[in-house]
Protein backbone atom coordinates (compact mmCIF):
# COMPACT_ATOMS: atom_id res chain seq x y z
CA MET A 1 46.62 -56.68 -9.21
CA ASP A 2 49.84 -55.76 -7.41
CA GLY A 3 50.23 -55.44 -3.67
CA GLU A 4 49.84 -51.67 -3.79
CA ASP A 5 46.34 -52.11 -5.18
CA GLU A 6 45.15 -54.40 -2.39
CA LEU A 7 42.96 -53.01 0.36
CA ARG A 8 44.78 -52.47 3.64
CA PRO A 9 43.31 -54.08 5.70
CA ASP A 10 40.97 -56.31 3.67
CA LEU A 11 37.50 -54.92 4.32
CA SER A 12 35.65 -57.36 2.09
CA GLY A 13 33.03 -57.67 4.81
CA CYS A 14 32.35 -53.94 4.36
CA PRO A 15 32.73 -52.80 0.73
CA PHE A 16 32.37 -49.17 1.78
CA GLY A 17 35.75 -49.17 3.53
CA CYS A 18 34.55 -47.46 6.69
CA VAL A 19 32.48 -48.67 9.64
CA PRO A 20 32.04 -47.76 13.31
CA GLY A 21 33.24 -50.04 16.07
CA ARG A 22 30.68 -50.41 18.83
CA GLY A 23 30.69 -52.24 22.08
CA HIS A 24 26.93 -52.94 21.91
CA LEU A 25 25.35 -53.54 18.50
CA ARG A 26 21.60 -53.76 18.07
CA ALA A 27 20.19 -57.04 16.81
CA GLY A 28 20.47 -57.27 13.06
CA GLN A 29 22.66 -54.16 12.79
CA ASN A 30 26.24 -53.66 11.62
CA ARG A 31 27.08 -57.26 10.79
CA ALA A 32 29.37 -55.92 8.09
CA ALA A 33 30.89 -53.66 10.72
CA LEU A 34 31.71 -56.63 12.92
CA ALA A 35 33.30 -58.46 10.00
CA ALA A 36 35.41 -55.44 9.15
CA LEU A 37 36.49 -54.96 12.74
CA ALA A 38 37.67 -58.54 12.89
CA MET A 39 39.84 -57.85 9.87
CA ALA A 40 41.18 -54.52 11.05
CA PRO A 41 42.91 -55.10 14.38
CA ASP A 42 45.17 -52.07 13.95
CA MET A 43 42.28 -49.63 13.76
CA ALA A 44 41.30 -47.98 17.05
CA ALA A 45 37.64 -48.13 18.05
CA GLU A 46 35.57 -47.62 21.15
CA ALA A 47 32.13 -48.49 22.42
CA SER A 48 29.23 -46.22 21.59
CA PRO A 49 27.71 -44.44 24.64
CA LEU A 50 24.34 -46.15 24.33
CA GLY A 51 21.52 -45.77 26.81
CA ALA A 52 22.64 -45.34 30.40
CA SER A 53 19.82 -45.66 32.92
CA ASP A 54 18.57 -42.67 34.89
CA ASP A 55 16.22 -42.75 37.86
CA ARG A 56 14.44 -39.52 36.85
CA ARG A 57 13.54 -40.40 33.26
CA ASP A 58 9.91 -41.06 34.21
CA ILE A 59 9.12 -37.39 34.94
CA ASP A 60 6.72 -35.91 32.41
CA GLN A 61 8.34 -33.61 29.92
CA ARG A 62 7.30 -29.95 30.10
CA LYS A 63 6.24 -28.34 26.83
CA PRO A 64 8.60 -25.76 25.24
CA TRP A 65 6.07 -22.94 25.21
CA ILE A 66 8.58 -20.28 24.19
CA LEU A 67 9.07 -22.18 20.93
CA LEU A 68 5.47 -23.31 20.47
CA ARG A 69 4.30 -19.69 20.64
CA SER A 70 6.48 -18.46 17.82
CA ASP A 71 6.39 -14.69 17.59
CA PRO A 72 7.75 -12.76 14.54
CA GLN A 73 8.80 -9.76 16.64
CA TRP A 74 10.59 -11.97 19.16
CA ARG A 75 12.27 -13.81 16.29
CA ALA A 76 13.49 -10.54 14.79
CA ALA A 77 14.80 -9.37 18.18
CA CYS A 78 16.70 -12.64 18.65
CA LEU A 79 18.24 -12.53 15.17
CA ALA A 80 19.37 -8.95 15.72
CA ARG A 81 21.63 -10.37 18.47
CA VAL A 82 22.73 -13.73 17.11
CA ALA A 83 22.76 -13.52 13.29
CA HIS A 84 26.51 -13.96 12.76
CA ILE A 85 26.77 -17.42 11.16
CA PRO A 86 26.58 -17.53 7.32
CA SER A 87 23.42 -19.40 6.41
CA GLY A 88 25.23 -22.07 4.40
CA TYR A 89 26.18 -23.57 7.76
CA THR A 90 22.49 -23.90 8.63
CA TYR A 91 22.18 -26.60 6.00
CA LEU A 92 25.65 -28.07 6.47
CA ALA A 93 24.66 -28.61 10.12
CA GLN A 94 21.44 -30.25 8.94
CA LEU A 95 23.43 -32.58 6.69
CA MET A 96 25.63 -33.50 9.66
CA GLY A 97 22.54 -34.20 11.75
CA HIS A 98 21.12 -36.46 9.05
CA ASP A 99 24.45 -38.28 8.81
CA MET A 100 24.48 -38.90 12.56
CA GLY A 101 21.06 -40.46 12.71
CA SER A 102 17.49 -41.05 11.67
CA SER A 103 15.66 -42.20 14.78
CA VAL A 104 12.51 -44.32 14.60
CA GLU A 105 10.68 -46.61 16.97
CA ALA A 106 12.15 -50.09 16.88
CA ALA A 107 8.67 -51.51 16.27
CA SER A 108 8.79 -50.00 12.77
CA VAL A 109 11.95 -51.95 11.91
CA PRO A 110 11.34 -55.48 13.24
CA TRP A 111 14.72 -56.79 12.10
CA SER A 112 16.39 -54.54 14.68
CA ARG A 113 14.57 -55.99 17.67
CA GLY A 114 15.92 -58.46 20.15
CA ALA A 115 14.06 -60.70 22.54
CA ASP A 116 14.54 -58.22 25.39
CA ASP A 117 13.01 -55.34 23.43
CA GLU A 118 9.43 -56.61 23.26
CA ASP A 119 8.17 -54.98 26.46
CA ALA A 120 10.77 -52.26 26.82
CA ALA A 121 9.75 -49.00 28.46
CA PRO A 122 10.43 -46.45 27.16
CA PRO A 123 10.08 -47.78 23.59
CA VAL A 124 13.39 -48.83 22.09
CA ARG A 125 14.66 -46.47 19.39
CA TYR A 126 16.51 -47.57 16.29
CA ASN A 127 18.95 -45.43 14.34
CA LEU A 128 18.40 -46.02 10.63
CA ILE A 129 21.88 -44.59 10.04
CA ASP A 130 24.00 -47.64 10.87
CA ASN A 131 27.36 -45.87 10.61
CA PRO A 132 27.20 -42.27 11.92
CA LEU A 133 29.40 -39.66 10.23
CA THR A 134 30.41 -41.86 7.31
CA LEU A 135 28.25 -40.00 4.74
CA GLU A 136 25.73 -42.83 4.83
CA THR A 137 23.05 -40.19 4.26
CA VAL A 138 24.67 -39.66 0.82
CA TYR A 139 25.89 -43.15 -0.09
CA GLY A 140 23.21 -45.37 1.42
CA PRO A 141 23.89 -49.12 1.06
CA GLY A 142 25.92 -48.55 -2.13
CA PRO A 143 25.73 -49.35 -5.85
CA ALA A 144 24.59 -52.95 -5.46
CA MET A 145 21.36 -51.82 -3.79
CA LEU A 146 20.59 -48.46 -5.42
CA ALA A 147 20.54 -48.84 -9.19
CA HIS A 148 18.50 -45.63 -9.57
CA VAL A 149 21.23 -43.66 -7.77
CA TYR A 150 24.34 -45.41 -9.18
CA ASP A 151 25.34 -46.63 -12.62
CA PRO A 152 25.80 -50.41 -12.16
CA GLU A 153 28.64 -50.53 -14.72
CA THR A 154 30.81 -47.66 -13.46
CA TRP A 155 29.64 -47.54 -9.81
CA LEU A 156 29.40 -43.76 -10.19
CA PHE A 157 26.48 -41.63 -9.05
CA ARG A 158 24.11 -40.98 -11.95
CA LEU A 159 25.00 -37.31 -12.36
CA THR A 160 26.01 -35.10 -15.24
CA PRO A 161 29.34 -33.51 -14.23
CA GLY A 162 28.65 -30.05 -12.82
CA ALA A 163 24.94 -30.70 -12.17
CA ARG A 164 23.55 -28.99 -9.08
CA LEU A 165 20.53 -31.24 -8.61
CA ALA A 166 19.91 -34.98 -8.68
CA ARG A 167 18.31 -36.64 -11.67
CA ILE A 168 14.52 -36.92 -11.94
CA TYR A 169 13.05 -40.37 -12.51
CA ALA A 170 9.52 -40.97 -13.72
CA ARG A 171 7.28 -43.07 -11.51
CA GLY A 172 3.87 -44.58 -12.00
CA LEU A 173 4.59 -46.15 -15.40
CA ASN A 174 3.02 -49.37 -14.16
CA ALA A 175 -0.35 -48.47 -12.67
CA VAL A 176 -0.59 -51.81 -10.87
CA SER A 177 2.78 -51.91 -9.10
CA ASP A 178 3.38 -48.17 -8.66
CA PRO A 179 0.34 -45.93 -9.05
CA ASP A 180 2.11 -42.81 -7.76
CA PRO A 181 2.42 -40.49 -10.80
CA ARG A 182 5.04 -38.19 -9.26
CA PRO A 183 8.64 -38.21 -10.42
CA ILE A 184 11.35 -38.75 -7.83
CA ARG A 185 14.77 -37.19 -7.28
CA ALA A 186 17.57 -39.76 -7.24
CA LEU A 187 18.92 -39.18 -3.74
CA TYR A 188 19.27 -41.97 -1.20
CA ASP A 189 18.00 -40.22 1.95
CA GLU A 190 14.58 -38.70 1.31
CA ARG A 191 15.18 -36.09 4.05
CA ASN A 192 17.78 -34.50 1.79
CA ARG A 193 15.17 -33.76 -0.87
CA ASP A 194 13.15 -31.37 1.26
CA SER A 195 15.17 -28.20 0.76
CA LEU A 196 16.97 -26.76 -2.21
CA MET A 197 20.03 -25.87 -0.13
CA LEU A 198 20.43 -29.29 1.47
CA HIS A 199 19.78 -31.01 -1.86
CA GLU A 200 22.63 -29.10 -3.52
CA LEU A 201 25.05 -29.90 -0.69
CA VAL A 202 24.35 -33.61 -1.05
CA VAL A 203 24.80 -33.48 -4.82
CA ALA A 204 28.13 -31.67 -4.31
CA TRP A 205 29.35 -34.65 -2.25
CA MET A 206 28.13 -37.03 -4.97
CA GLN A 207 30.02 -35.00 -7.58
CA PHE A 208 33.13 -35.01 -5.36
CA HIS A 209 32.99 -38.79 -5.18
CA ASN A 210 32.55 -39.14 -8.96
CA ARG A 211 35.45 -36.78 -9.64
CA ASN A 212 37.78 -38.82 -7.44
CA ALA A 213 36.53 -42.20 -8.66
CA ARG A 214 37.04 -41.17 -12.30
CA ALA A 215 40.60 -40.10 -11.49
CA LEU A 216 41.27 -43.48 -9.86
CA MET A 217 39.75 -45.42 -12.74
CA ALA A 218 41.94 -43.41 -15.14
CA GLU A 219 44.90 -44.96 -13.31
CA GLY A 220 43.59 -48.43 -14.12
CA LEU A 221 41.55 -49.30 -11.03
CA THR A 222 38.34 -51.25 -11.41
CA PRO A 223 35.02 -49.46 -10.68
CA TYR A 224 34.71 -51.40 -7.42
CA ARG A 225 38.19 -50.43 -6.21
CA ALA A 226 37.69 -46.83 -7.30
CA TYR A 227 34.39 -46.70 -5.44
CA VAL A 228 35.87 -48.02 -2.19
CA LEU A 229 38.88 -45.71 -2.20
CA ALA A 230 36.89 -42.64 -3.31
CA ARG A 231 34.30 -43.21 -0.62
CA THR A 232 36.86 -43.66 2.14
CA HIS A 233 38.64 -40.52 0.98
CA ALA A 234 35.34 -38.61 1.00
CA VAL A 235 34.70 -39.67 4.60
CA ARG A 236 38.14 -38.42 5.65
CA CYS A 237 37.41 -35.09 3.97
CA TRP A 238 33.97 -35.01 5.62
CA HIS A 239 35.52 -35.42 9.06
CA ARG A 240 37.91 -32.58 8.32
CA ILE A 241 35.11 -30.28 7.14
CA VAL A 242 32.94 -31.11 10.17
CA THR A 243 35.74 -30.46 12.67
CA GLU A 244 37.57 -27.58 10.99
CA ASP A 245 34.82 -25.77 9.06
CA LEU A 246 31.46 -26.51 10.68
CA LEU A 247 32.04 -26.94 14.42
CA PRO A 248 34.15 -23.78 14.89
CA ARG A 249 31.09 -21.75 13.84
CA PHE A 250 28.99 -23.18 16.67
CA LEU A 251 31.34 -23.86 19.58
CA HIS A 252 31.71 -21.46 22.49
CA PRO A 253 35.33 -20.20 22.55
CA GLU A 254 36.02 -21.65 26.02
CA ILE A 255 34.94 -25.11 24.85
CA ALA A 256 36.73 -24.81 21.53
CA ALA A 257 39.94 -23.97 23.43
CA LEU A 258 39.89 -27.22 25.44
CA PRO A 259 42.38 -29.91 24.35
CA ALA A 260 39.40 -32.27 24.05
CA PRO A 261 35.72 -32.01 25.03
CA PRO A 262 34.85 -33.69 28.35
CA ARG A 263 34.06 -37.37 27.85
CA ALA A 264 31.13 -36.95 30.25
CA CYS A 265 29.48 -34.85 27.54
CA ALA A 266 29.22 -37.67 24.98
CA LEU A 267 25.52 -38.30 24.41
CA ASP A 268 23.63 -41.49 23.74
CA GLU A 269 22.07 -41.59 20.28
CA THR A 270 18.53 -40.77 21.41
CA THR A 271 19.61 -37.70 23.36
CA LEU A 272 21.91 -36.60 20.57
CA LEU A 273 19.14 -36.76 17.95
CA HIS A 274 16.08 -35.77 19.98
CA GLY A 275 17.74 -33.64 22.65
CA LEU A 276 20.48 -31.72 20.84
CA CYS A 277 20.02 -31.78 17.07
CA ARG A 278 16.50 -30.36 17.39
CA ALA A 279 18.17 -27.12 18.51
CA PHE A 280 19.28 -26.57 14.90
CA HIS A 281 15.67 -25.58 14.18
CA ALA A 282 16.77 -22.21 15.56
CA LEU A 283 18.81 -21.60 12.40
CA PRO A 284 16.51 -21.39 9.32
CA LEU A 285 15.47 -17.90 8.27
CA ALA A 286 12.07 -16.77 7.01
CA ALA A 287 13.50 -15.81 3.62
CA TYR A 288 16.76 -16.01 1.69
CA ALA A 289 18.49 -13.85 -0.85
CA LEU A 290 19.91 -16.57 -3.08
CA GLY A 291 22.01 -14.20 -5.18
CA ARG A 292 19.54 -14.29 -8.06
CA SER A 293 15.96 -13.09 -8.56
CA GLY A 294 15.59 -11.36 -5.21
CA LEU A 295 14.30 -12.67 -1.90
CA HIS A 296 12.82 -16.18 -1.69
CA ASN A 297 10.45 -17.22 1.09
CA LEU A 298 11.50 -20.28 3.07
CA GLY A 299 8.08 -21.86 2.68
CA THR A 300 8.49 -21.83 -1.11
CA LEU A 301 12.06 -23.10 -1.00
CA LEU A 302 11.09 -26.03 1.20
CA LYS A 303 8.05 -27.13 -0.74
CA ARG A 304 7.69 -30.86 -1.23
CA GLY A 305 7.39 -32.67 -4.54
CA TYR A 306 9.99 -33.80 -7.03
CA ALA A 307 8.82 -32.27 -10.30
CA VAL A 308 10.83 -29.72 -12.27
CA SER A 309 10.75 -26.53 -10.21
CA GLU A 310 12.06 -23.01 -10.19
CA ALA A 311 15.32 -24.49 -8.90
CA GLU A 312 16.10 -25.49 -12.49
CA THR A 313 14.81 -22.31 -14.11
CA ASP A 314 15.30 -19.37 -11.78
CA TRP A 315 16.73 -20.14 -8.35
CA ARG A 316 20.49 -20.32 -8.12
CA ILE A 317 22.22 -20.38 -4.76
CA ASP A 318 25.26 -18.13 -4.60
CA TRP A 319 27.32 -20.40 -2.35
CA PRO A 320 30.18 -17.92 -1.79
CA LEU A 321 27.50 -15.53 -0.51
CA PHE A 322 25.87 -18.27 1.59
CA PHE A 323 29.15 -19.35 3.20
CA GLY A 324 30.37 -15.84 3.91
CA ALA A 325 33.11 -15.62 1.29
CA ARG A 326 31.37 -12.52 -0.07
CA PRO A 327 29.74 -9.86 2.12
CA GLY A 328 26.01 -9.26 2.32
CA GLY A 329 24.79 -12.85 2.49
CA PRO A 330 22.07 -14.16 4.84
CA ARG A 331 23.16 -14.96 8.38
CA SER A 332 21.63 -16.84 11.27
CA GLY A 333 22.47 -18.09 14.75
CA MET A 334 21.33 -20.15 17.73
CA SER A 335 18.58 -18.57 19.84
CA ALA A 336 15.41 -19.32 21.77
CA SER A 337 13.29 -18.66 18.67
CA VAL A 338 12.36 -20.28 15.37
CA ALA A 339 11.25 -18.87 12.03
CA PRO A 340 7.43 -19.04 11.80
CA GLU A 341 7.86 -20.22 8.19
CA LEU A 342 9.99 -23.23 9.14
CA ARG A 343 8.35 -25.46 6.56
CA ALA A 344 5.26 -24.98 4.40
CA PRO A 345 2.40 -25.66 4.70
CA VAL A 346 2.74 -26.11 8.48
CA THR A 347 4.03 -23.52 10.93
CA ALA A 348 7.13 -23.53 13.07
CA ALA A 349 4.92 -24.20 16.09
CA ALA A 350 3.70 -27.40 14.41
CA ILE A 351 7.29 -28.50 13.77
CA ILE A 352 8.22 -27.86 17.41
CA ALA A 353 5.10 -29.74 18.50
CA LEU A 354 6.29 -32.74 16.48
CA ASP A 355 9.73 -32.39 18.06
CA THR A 356 8.12 -32.31 21.49
CA GLN A 357 6.04 -35.39 20.75
CA SER A 358 9.02 -37.34 19.40
CA ALA A 359 11.07 -36.35 22.44
CA ALA A 360 8.27 -37.46 24.77
CA GLU A 361 8.16 -40.83 23.00
CA ALA A 362 11.93 -41.30 22.74
CA ARG A 363 12.65 -39.91 26.21
CA PRO A 364 16.06 -38.37 25.64
CA LEU A 365 17.90 -37.09 28.67
CA ARG A 366 16.99 -33.62 29.92
CA LEU A 367 18.79 -31.09 32.07
CA GLY A 368 17.43 -32.64 35.27
CA ASN A 369 18.77 -36.10 34.48
CA ALA A 370 21.88 -37.29 36.25
CA ARG A 371 23.96 -37.81 33.11
CA ILE A 372 23.39 -34.26 31.87
CA GLY A 373 24.18 -33.07 35.38
CA ALA A 374 27.50 -34.89 35.17
CA ALA A 375 28.16 -33.30 31.78
CA ARG A 376 27.45 -29.85 33.18
CA ALA A 377 29.74 -30.54 36.16
CA ALA A 378 32.57 -31.35 33.73
CA LEU A 379 32.51 -27.87 32.19
CA PRO A 380 35.44 -25.55 32.89
CA GLY A 381 35.46 -22.57 35.24
CA ASP A 382 32.27 -21.46 36.99
CA TRP A 383 29.96 -22.66 34.21
CA PRO A 384 28.54 -25.58 36.26
CA ALA A 385 27.12 -23.09 38.77
CA ARG A 386 25.97 -20.61 36.12
CA LEU A 387 24.13 -23.21 34.04
CA THR A 388 21.62 -24.50 36.55
CA ALA A 389 17.99 -24.24 35.49
CA ALA A 390 17.20 -21.61 38.15
CA ARG A 391 20.22 -19.44 37.29
CA LEU A 392 19.61 -19.55 33.53
CA ALA A 393 15.90 -18.79 34.00
CA ALA A 394 16.78 -15.70 36.05
CA ASP A 395 19.48 -14.56 33.63
CA PHE A 396 17.17 -15.09 30.65
CA ALA A 397 14.36 -13.08 32.28
CA ALA A 398 16.73 -10.23 33.15
CA ALA A 399 18.20 -10.09 29.66
CA HIS A 400 14.93 -10.56 27.77
CA PRO A 401 11.88 -9.13 29.51
CA GLU A 402 10.24 -8.85 26.08
CA ALA A 403 10.20 -12.63 25.54
CA PRO A 404 6.72 -13.90 24.61
CA VAL A 405 6.81 -16.57 27.34
CA ALA A 406 8.50 -16.54 30.73
CA LEU A 407 10.99 -19.37 31.21
CA ASP A 408 11.05 -20.79 34.72
CA ALA A 409 13.42 -23.31 36.25
CA ASP A 410 10.93 -26.16 35.96
CA ALA A 411 10.45 -25.61 32.22
CA LEU A 412 14.19 -25.54 31.62
CA GLU A 413 15.03 -28.51 33.83
CA TRP A 414 12.28 -30.87 32.62
CA GLY A 415 11.44 -29.48 29.21
CA PRO A 416 13.19 -30.79 26.09
CA LEU A 417 16.95 -30.50 26.32
CA TYR A 418 17.02 -28.59 23.03
CA GLN A 419 14.92 -25.81 24.64
CA PHE A 420 17.51 -25.36 27.40
CA LEU A 421 20.34 -25.33 24.85
CA MET A 422 18.55 -22.71 22.72
CA ALA A 423 17.95 -20.51 25.77
CA GLU A 424 21.56 -21.00 26.88
CA ALA A 425 22.75 -19.94 23.42
CA GLN A 426 20.57 -16.83 23.63
CA VAL A 427 22.17 -15.76 26.90
CA HIS A 428 25.71 -17.14 26.74
CA GLY A 429 26.42 -17.97 23.10
CA GLN A 430 29.10 -16.09 21.18
CA GLN A 431 28.76 -14.96 17.56
CA GLY A 432 25.58 -16.97 17.05
CA GLY A 433 26.89 -20.26 18.45
CA PHE A 434 25.86 -22.55 21.30
CA GLY A 435 26.53 -21.79 24.93
CA PRO A 436 29.12 -23.80 26.87
CA LEU A 437 26.94 -26.83 27.65
CA GLY A 438 25.49 -27.09 24.14
CA SER A 439 28.98 -26.70 22.71
CA ALA A 440 30.46 -29.40 24.91
CA LEU A 441 27.62 -31.84 24.16
CA LEU A 442 27.95 -31.26 20.42
CA ALA A 443 31.75 -31.42 20.35
CA ALA A 444 31.98 -34.54 22.49
CA SER A 445 29.29 -36.39 20.55
CA VAL A 446 30.84 -35.57 17.18
CA ALA A 447 34.32 -36.49 18.41
CA GLY A 448 33.00 -39.79 19.76
CA SER A 449 31.28 -40.63 16.48
CA ILE A 450 34.44 -39.91 14.51
CA ARG A 451 36.57 -42.00 16.89
CA ARG A 452 34.30 -44.97 16.30
CA VAL A 453 34.75 -44.91 12.52
CA VAL A 454 37.15 -47.62 11.35
CA MET A 455 38.74 -47.14 7.92
CA ALA A 456 41.38 -48.86 5.88
CA ALA A 457 44.75 -47.17 6.11
CA GLU A 458 45.28 -44.49 3.49
CA GLY A 459 47.39 -45.67 0.57
CA PRO A 460 49.36 -43.94 -2.17
CA ARG A 461 46.38 -43.91 -4.53
CA GLU A 462 44.46 -41.51 -2.29
CA THR A 463 47.31 -39.15 -1.46
CA GLY A 464 46.96 -37.36 -4.79
CA LEU A 465 43.22 -36.73 -4.45
CA PRO A 466 42.01 -33.21 -3.51
CA ARG A 467 41.39 -32.48 0.18
CA PRO A 468 39.03 -29.52 0.51
CA ALA A 469 39.23 -27.80 3.89
CA SER A 470 35.74 -26.30 3.71
CA MET A 471 32.36 -27.07 2.19
CA LEU A 472 32.65 -24.03 -0.06
CA GLU A 473 36.03 -25.23 -1.34
CA LEU A 474 34.48 -28.60 -2.17
CA ILE A 475 31.54 -26.98 -3.99
CA ASN A 476 33.86 -24.79 -6.04
CA LEU A 477 36.02 -27.80 -6.88
CA VAL A 478 33.18 -29.91 -8.27
CA ARG A 479 31.76 -27.05 -10.30
CA GLU A 480 34.97 -26.08 -12.03
């Protein structure tokens, strides 16, 4: 192997070629990341903004009644104002959220716990996504660990070129070791199996990787080398799509115009996942026109189970319609409402109740906490004064007397942060996006995650690979 073919720098401690650098790593986490950092001194990294203390975190969280009492008429009134974002971005945003984290109690993953975590209050949270915004939700731990997802000889995803959905594997063949008779879709992150739209986006990324890895192997690279370079290239493209295609749909124009989002707005992982990303539950619609066979109810599209479904026989997402390249497609936006049919068989109110419970257990920061106050104070212009709980409650009541529940200052200040951000988007959002505070929190957290990713320097092998600027461009590329 000549010098051009050698990894730069040598990331043998991390065969994926990309890891985050963190100042404080949880016990048992990111050992490969530490090894890679030691071998990559030229790559910039910064500490993750983990868990600052706050003297008001012990205040009981108020319930988000405006979301728990989901009302179809209120939902329709909200969408009439905010439905400007093509619905493909609903699920691209969900994919981004999954790639930033999967938060569980540390007690459920004992290997993550340190000696100081035993009696922690509130309970320590663990992010099952070790390396945020590196497409870990797609790649998982890689070919060596996921033989049902990858071919062990070629290190390619087990996909027929052009396939829209992941392969089905039979289960339950051995009644003693695996009595579950259901088949299973060969995706790493089980959260990505729950909706047809999200499933297809993940498979598109898998196809993109295979396309690039095959091109590299055609030049004589080994499957291992092709895998590493193709994955690193995919992460670079992912960062571009997140920052240039996804975020512009959701950011308030005044925040998008800033040279950089305020550093004070970077969220700790718990607040990012339980305080901000829950706001994306404002986006799903009750039904979707997929471009084939009429209107499809969300409850049917999000049904669980991995057997052959109408997705193979009748449903076909028209992605140019979904991403706004053709007129007439479904559109959504951020608001203080959720679709009653958020996921069958439970209601939207049940989903929000689960969100509320998880937030109460995880204790993310809320508007009344000092760190969110500092983030609000860092906003430009007169937004710090306009985005107090009392001012937003008054503005919301004046603008929406028909709301099913009155929002008062106490509910906004000490309710879940995502409720405040959804109400702020309803009053101050532009073209279906977040308001200024939600925009700054999202932009700063995404920018911080991307800054912490450490990758080998790009070499000549990758320069000839395609670089889609949008998710739709990537989908069209892999389905040529």
